[in-house]
Amino acid sequence: MLKIRLSRTGAPKKAKYRLVVAEARSPRDGRSLDILGHFDPMTDPETIVIDAEKTQGWLDKGAKPTDTAARLLKKAGVTR
């Protein structure tokens, strides 16, 4: 099963995240199939950059977003 989820990057205590498509059983920062965008919660306001076309393609293929990823997709206007 494919999941759209966050993968952590950045220095300690300065987290940044990538929105990735990965196999559900792979580790959080493990191998991913595709990078859909990034999210930086440290900026004010928080930065969300998502490739809507790629994301919609993966959603059409059956990838399920996690709760946090779904919130970010909704905030970015990719899904309803």
N, C-alpha and C. Protein backbone atom coordinates (compact mmCIF):
# COMPACT_ATOMS: atom_id res chain seq x y z
N MET A 1 0.84 -1.18 0.00
CA MET A 1 0.00 0.00 0.00
C MET A 1 0.89 1.25 0.00
N LEU A 2 0.54 2.21 -0.79
CA LEU A 2 1.30 3.46 -0.89
C LEU A 2 0.70 4.52 0.01
N LYS A 3 1.58 5.28 0.66
CA LYS A 3 1.17 6.36 1.54
C LYS A 3 1.83 7.65 1.09
N ILE A 4 1.10 8.75 1.22
CA ILE A 4 1.67 10.08 1.06
C ILE A 4 1.89 10.57 2.49
N ARG A 5 3.16 10.81 2.83
CA ARG A 5 3.48 11.16 4.21
C ARG A 5 4.68 12.10 4.26
N LEU A 6 5.02 12.53 5.48
CA LEU A 6 6.13 13.44 5.68
C LEU A 6 7.40 12.67 5.99
N SER A 7 8.51 13.17 5.46
CA SER A 7 9.84 12.64 5.75
C SER A 7 10.65 13.80 6.32
N ARG A 8 11.28 13.60 7.46
CA ARG A 8 11.97 14.69 8.15
C ARG A 8 13.36 14.95 7.58
N THR A 9 13.68 16.23 7.41
CA THR A 9 15.02 16.66 7.00
C THR A 9 15.40 17.83 7.91
N GLY A 10 16.55 18.40 7.70
CA GLY A 10 16.95 19.57 8.48
C GLY A 10 17.80 19.20 9.68
N ALA A 11 18.33 20.22 10.33
CA ALA A 11 19.20 20.05 11.49
C ALA A 11 18.37 19.74 12.74
N PRO A 12 19.03 19.26 13.80
CA PRO A 12 18.30 19.04 15.05
C PRO A 12 17.64 20.35 15.54
N LYS A 13 16.42 20.24 15.96
CA LYS A 13 15.60 21.36 16.45
C LYS A 13 15.29 22.40 15.39
N LYS A 14 15.57 22.10 14.12
CA LYS A 14 15.22 22.98 13.00
C LYS A 14 14.62 22.11 11.90
N ALA A 15 13.52 21.48 12.22
CA ALA A 15 12.92 20.49 11.34
C ALA A 15 12.35 21.11 10.07
N LYS A 16 12.54 20.40 8.99
CA LYS A 16 11.88 20.66 7.72
C LYS A 16 11.39 19.30 7.24
N TYR A 17 10.37 19.29 6.43
CA TYR A 17 9.79 18.03 6.01
C TYR A 17 9.59 18.01 4.51
N ARG A 18 9.71 16.81 3.93
CA ARG A 18 9.36 16.59 2.53
C ARG A 18 8.07 15.81 2.50
N LEU A 19 7.21 16.13 1.57
CA LEU A 19 6.00 15.36 1.34
C LEU A 19 6.36 14.31 0.30
N VAL A 20 6.33 13.04 0.67
CA VAL A 20 6.80 11.97 -0.20
C VAL A 20 5.74 10.88 -0.36
N VAL A 21 5.91 10.09 -1.41
CA VAL A 21 5.13 8.87 -1.62
C VAL A 21 6.05 7.72 -1.27
N ALA A 22 5.61 6.85 -0.35
CA ALA A 22 6.44 5.73 0.07
C ALA A 22 5.56 4.52 0.36
N GLU A 23 6.19 3.36 0.36
CA GLU A 23 5.51 2.13 0.76
C GLU A 23 5.15 2.28 2.25
N ALA A 24 3.98 1.81 2.65
CA ALA A 24 3.50 2.01 4.01
C ALA A 24 4.42 1.40 5.06
N ARG A 25 5.11 0.31 4.74
CA ARG A 25 5.95 -0.37 5.72
C ARG A 25 7.39 0.14 5.77
N SER A 26 7.77 1.05 4.89
CA SER A 26 9.14 1.56 4.90
C SER A 26 9.31 2.56 6.05
N PRO A 27 10.56 2.74 6.54
CA PRO A 27 10.79 3.68 7.65
C PRO A 27 10.48 5.13 7.25
N ARG A 28 10.27 5.97 8.24
CA ARG A 28 9.90 7.37 8.00
C ARG A 28 10.85 8.08 7.05
N ASP A 29 12.15 7.96 7.29
CA ASP A 29 13.13 8.63 6.45
C ASP A 29 13.79 7.65 5.47
N GLY A 30 13.13 6.53 5.23
CA GLY A 30 13.67 5.53 4.33
C GLY A 30 13.44 5.89 2.87
N ARG A 31 13.53 4.89 2.01
CA ARG A 31 13.39 5.10 0.58
C ARG A 31 11.98 5.57 0.22
N SER A 32 11.91 6.54 -0.64
CA SER A 32 10.62 7.03 -1.12
C SER A 32 10.56 6.88 -2.63
N LEU A 33 9.35 6.80 -3.15
CA LEU A 33 9.16 6.63 -4.59
C LEU A 33 9.21 7.97 -5.32
N ASP A 34 8.69 9.02 -4.68
CA ASP A 34 8.63 10.33 -5.33
C ASP A 34 8.53 11.42 -4.27
N ILE A 35 9.09 12.58 -4.56
CA ILE A 35 8.99 13.75 -3.68
C ILE A 35 7.95 14.68 -4.29
N LEU A 36 6.91 15.01 -3.50
CA LEU A 36 5.81 15.82 -4.00
C LEU A 36 5.92 17.29 -3.62
N GLY A 37 6.70 17.59 -2.59
CA GLY A 37 6.84 18.98 -2.16
C GLY A 37 7.57 19.06 -0.84
N HIS A 38 7.52 20.22 -0.20
CA HIS A 38 8.15 20.37 1.10
C HIS A 38 7.33 21.29 2.00
N PHE A 39 7.64 21.20 3.31
CA PHE A 39 6.90 21.92 4.34
C PHE A 39 7.91 22.40 5.38
N ASP A 40 7.87 23.69 5.70
CA ASP A 40 8.76 24.26 6.70
C ASP A 40 7.92 24.92 7.79
N PRO A 41 7.77 24.27 8.96
CA PRO A 41 6.95 24.83 10.03
C PRO A 41 7.66 25.94 10.81
N MET A 42 8.96 26.15 10.58
CA MET A 42 9.73 27.12 11.36
C MET A 42 9.55 28.56 10.86
N THR A 43 9.03 28.75 9.65
CA THR A 43 8.83 30.10 9.14
C THR A 43 7.49 30.64 9.62
N ASP A 44 7.31 31.94 9.52
CA ASP A 44 6.04 32.54 9.93
C ASP A 44 5.51 33.38 8.77
N PRO A 45 4.45 32.99 8.09
CA PRO A 45 3.66 31.77 8.26
C PRO A 45 4.40 30.55 7.70
N GLU A 46 3.96 29.37 8.10
CA GLU A 46 4.63 28.14 7.66
C GLU A 46 4.59 28.01 6.13
N THR A 47 5.68 27.50 5.57
CA THR A 47 5.82 27.39 4.12
C THR A 47 5.37 26.02 3.65
N ILE A 48 4.46 25.99 2.68
CA ILE A 48 4.00 24.73 2.10
C ILE A 48 4.11 24.86 0.58
N VAL A 49 4.93 24.00 -0.03
CA VAL A 49 5.09 23.99 -1.48
C VAL A 49 4.80 22.56 -1.95
N ILE A 50 3.75 22.40 -2.78
CA ILE A 50 3.35 21.07 -3.24
C ILE A 50 3.08 21.11 -4.73
N ASP A 51 3.59 20.12 -5.46
CA ASP A 51 3.31 19.96 -6.89
C ASP A 51 1.95 19.28 -7.02
N ALA A 52 0.92 20.06 -7.35
CA ALA A 52 -0.45 19.57 -7.38
C ALA A 52 -0.66 18.49 -8.45
N GLU A 53 -0.03 18.65 -9.59
CA GLU A 53 -0.20 17.68 -10.68
C GLU A 53 0.33 16.30 -10.30
N LYS A 54 1.55 16.27 -9.75
CA LYS A 54 2.15 15.01 -9.31
C LYS A 54 1.31 14.36 -8.21
N THR A 55 0.89 15.19 -7.26
CA THR A 55 0.12 14.68 -6.13
C THR A 55 -1.20 14.08 -6.59
N GLN A 56 -1.88 14.76 -7.48
CA GLN A 56 -3.15 14.24 -7.99
C GLN A 56 -2.93 12.92 -8.73
N GLY A 57 -1.84 12.82 -9.46
CA GLY A 57 -1.51 11.58 -10.15
C GLY A 57 -1.34 10.41 -9.19
N TRP A 58 -0.65 10.65 -8.07
CA TRP A 58 -0.46 9.59 -7.09
C TRP A 58 -1.77 9.26 -6.37
N LEU A 59 -2.59 10.26 -6.11
CA LEU A 59 -3.89 10.00 -5.48
C LEU A 59 -4.77 9.16 -6.41
N ASP A 60 -4.70 9.43 -7.71
CA ASP A 60 -5.46 8.65 -8.69
C ASP A 60 -4.97 7.21 -8.75
N LYS A 61 -3.68 6.99 -8.49
CA LYS A 61 -3.11 5.64 -8.50
C LYS A 61 -3.42 4.87 -7.21
N GLY A 62 -4.01 5.53 -6.22
CA GLY A 62 -4.43 4.84 -5.00
C GLY A 62 -3.62 5.14 -3.76
N ALA A 63 -2.71 6.09 -3.81
CA ALA A 63 -1.93 6.45 -2.62
C ALA A 63 -2.83 7.15 -1.62
N LYS A 64 -2.72 6.77 -0.35
CA LYS A 64 -3.54 7.35 0.71
C LYS A 64 -2.70 8.29 1.56
N PRO A 65 -3.13 9.54 1.74
CA PRO A 65 -2.37 10.46 2.60
C PRO A 65 -2.60 10.15 4.09
N THR A 66 -1.57 10.38 4.90
CA THR A 66 -1.72 10.29 6.35
C THR A 66 -2.54 11.49 6.81
N ASP A 67 -2.92 11.52 8.07
CA ASP A 67 -3.74 12.62 8.59
C ASP A 67 -3.04 13.97 8.43
N THR A 68 -1.77 14.03 8.78
CA THR A 68 -1.01 15.27 8.67
C THR A 68 -0.82 15.68 7.22
N ALA A 69 -0.51 14.72 6.36
CA ALA A 69 -0.33 15.02 4.94
C ALA A 69 -1.64 15.50 4.33
N ALA A 70 -2.76 14.90 4.74
CA ALA A 70 -4.07 15.32 4.23
C ALA A 70 -4.36 16.76 4.64
N ARG A 71 -4.00 17.13 5.88
CA ARG A 71 -4.20 18.50 6.36
C ARG A 71 -3.39 19.48 5.52
N LEU A 72 -2.13 19.12 5.22
CA LEU A 72 -1.29 20.00 4.40
C LEU A 72 -1.80 20.11 2.97
N LEU A 73 -2.26 19.00 2.40
CA LEU A 73 -2.81 19.02 1.04
C LEU A 73 -4.05 19.91 0.97
N LYS A 74 -4.87 19.82 2.00
CA LYS A 74 -6.07 20.66 2.05
C LYS A 74 -5.71 22.14 2.18
N LYS A 75 -4.72 22.42 3.04
CA LYS A 75 -4.28 23.79 3.26
C LYS A 75 -3.66 24.40 2.00
N ALA A 76 -2.98 23.56 1.20
CA ALA A 76 -2.36 24.03 -0.04
C ALA A 76 -3.34 24.09 -1.20
N GLY A 77 -4.56 23.59 -0.99
CA GLY A 77 -5.57 23.66 -2.02
C GLY A 77 -5.50 22.55 -3.05
N VAL A 78 -4.79 21.45 -2.75
CA VAL A 78 -4.67 20.35 -3.68
C VAL A 78 -5.89 19.45 -3.62
N THR A 79 -6.41 19.20 -2.40
CA THR A 79 -7.63 18.40 -2.22
C THR A 79 -8.66 19.21 -1.45
N ARG A 80 -9.86 18.67 -1.41
CA ARG A 80 -10.94 19.36 -0.68
C ARG A 80 -10.94 19.03 0.77
